[in-house]
């Protein structure tokens, strides 16, 4: 059981870090999506 404790904690930490990276990645994509749509519109408008 002593060997499973550290493994479970490491797996949980890995999942947390993975989730944090995925969340930040989704936020970055959601924020970059509108900017990409606005840039082509602002170029011909300018």
C-alpha atoms as a PDB file:
ATOM      1  CA  UNK A   1       0.000   0.000   0.000  1.00  0.00           C
ATOM      2  CA  UNK A   2       2.918   2.327   0.694  1.00  0.00           C
ATOM      3  CA  UNK A   3       3.906   2.125  -2.986  1.00  0.00           C
ATOM      4  CA  UNK A   4       0.396   2.968  -4.215  1.00  0.00           C
ATOM      5  CA  UNK A   5       0.077   6.139  -2.142  1.00  0.00           C
ATOM      6  CA  UNK A   6       2.852   8.133  -3.925  1.00  0.00           C
ATOM      7  CA  UNK A   7       1.744   6.770  -7.306  1.00  0.00           C
ATOM      8  CA  UNK A   8      -1.834   7.922  -6.757  1.00  0.00           C
ATOM      9  CA  UNK A   9      -0.671  11.355  -5.611  1.00  0.00           C
ATOM     10  CA  UNK A  10       1.567  11.667  -8.682  1.00  0.00           C
ATOM     11  CA  UNK A  11      -1.264  10.614 -10.987  1.00  0.00           C
ATOM     12  CA  UNK A  12      -3.614  13.128  -9.349  1.00  0.00           C
ATOM     13  CA  UNK A  13      -1.012  15.872  -9.690  1.00  0.00           C
ATOM     14  CA  UNK A  14      -0.480  14.913 -13.320  1.00  0.00           C
ATOM     15  CA  UNK A  15      -4.219  15.087 -14.007  1.00  0.00           C
ATOM     16  CA  UNK A  16      -4.443  18.484 -12.309  1.00  0.00           C
ATOM     17  CA  UNK A  17      -1.520  19.853 -14.314  1.00  0.00           C
ATOM     18  CA  UNK A  18      -2.951  18.370 -17.535  1.00  0.00           C
ATOM     19  CA  UNK A  19      -6.356  19.899 -16.817  1.00  0.00           C
ATOM     20  CA  UNK A  20      -4.760  23.273 -16.077  1.00  0.00           C
ATOM     21  CA  UNK A  21      -2.842  23.178 -19.367  1.00  0.00           C
ATOM     22  CA  UNK A  22      -5.947  22.143 -21.315  1.00  0.00           C
ATOM     23  CA  UNK A  23      -8.019  24.907 -19.704  1.00  0.00           C
ATOM     24  CA  UNK A  24      -5.373  27.532 -20.484  1.00  0.00           C
ATOM     25  CA  UNK A  25      -5.088  26.193 -24.031  1.00  0.00           C
ATOM     26  CA  UNK A  26      -8.855  26.396 -24.563  1.00  0.00           C
ATOM     27  CA  UNK A  27      -8.912  29.922 -23.158  1.00  0.00           C
ATOM     28  CA  UNK A  28      -6.062  30.942 -25.457  1.00  0.00           C
ATOM     29  CA  UNK A  29      -7.868  29.484 -28.484  1.00  0.00           C
ATOM     30  CA  UNK A  30     -11.157  31.149 -27.525  1.00  0.00           C
ATOM     31  CA  UNK A  31      -9.352  34.471 -27.125  1.00  0.00           C
ATOM     32  CA  UNK A  32      -7.349  34.086 -30.348  1.00  0.00           C
ATOM     33  CA  UNK A  33     -10.434  33.096 -32.379  1.00  0.00           C
ATOM     34  CA  UNK A  34     -12.181  36.510 -32.108  1.00  0.00           C
ATOM     35  CA  UNK A  35      -8.913  38.366 -32.767  1.00  0.00           C
ATOM     36  CA  UNK A  36      -8.420  36.386 -35.992  1.00  0.00           C
ATOM     37  CA  UNK A  37     -11.948  37.291 -37.097  1.00  0.00           C
ATOM     38  CA  UNK A  38     -11.458  40.948 -36.181  1.00  0.00           C
ATOM     39  CA  UNK A  39      -8.043  41.346 -37.859  1.00  0.00           C
ATOM     40  CA  UNK A  40      -9.259  40.547 -41.422  1.00  0.00           C
ATOM     41  CA  UNK A  41     -12.241  42.853 -40.916  1.00  0.00           C
ATOM     42  CA  UNK A  42     -10.095  45.718 -39.639  1.00  0.00           C
ATOM     43  CA  UNK A  43      -7.591  45.390 -42.527  1.00  0.00           C
ATOM     44  CA  UNK A  44     -10.062  46.088 -45.385  1.00  0.00           C
ATOM     45  CA  UNK A  45     -11.888  48.624 -43.204  1.00  0.00           C
ATOM     46  CA  UNK A  46      -8.639  50.520 -42.612  1.00  0.00           C
END
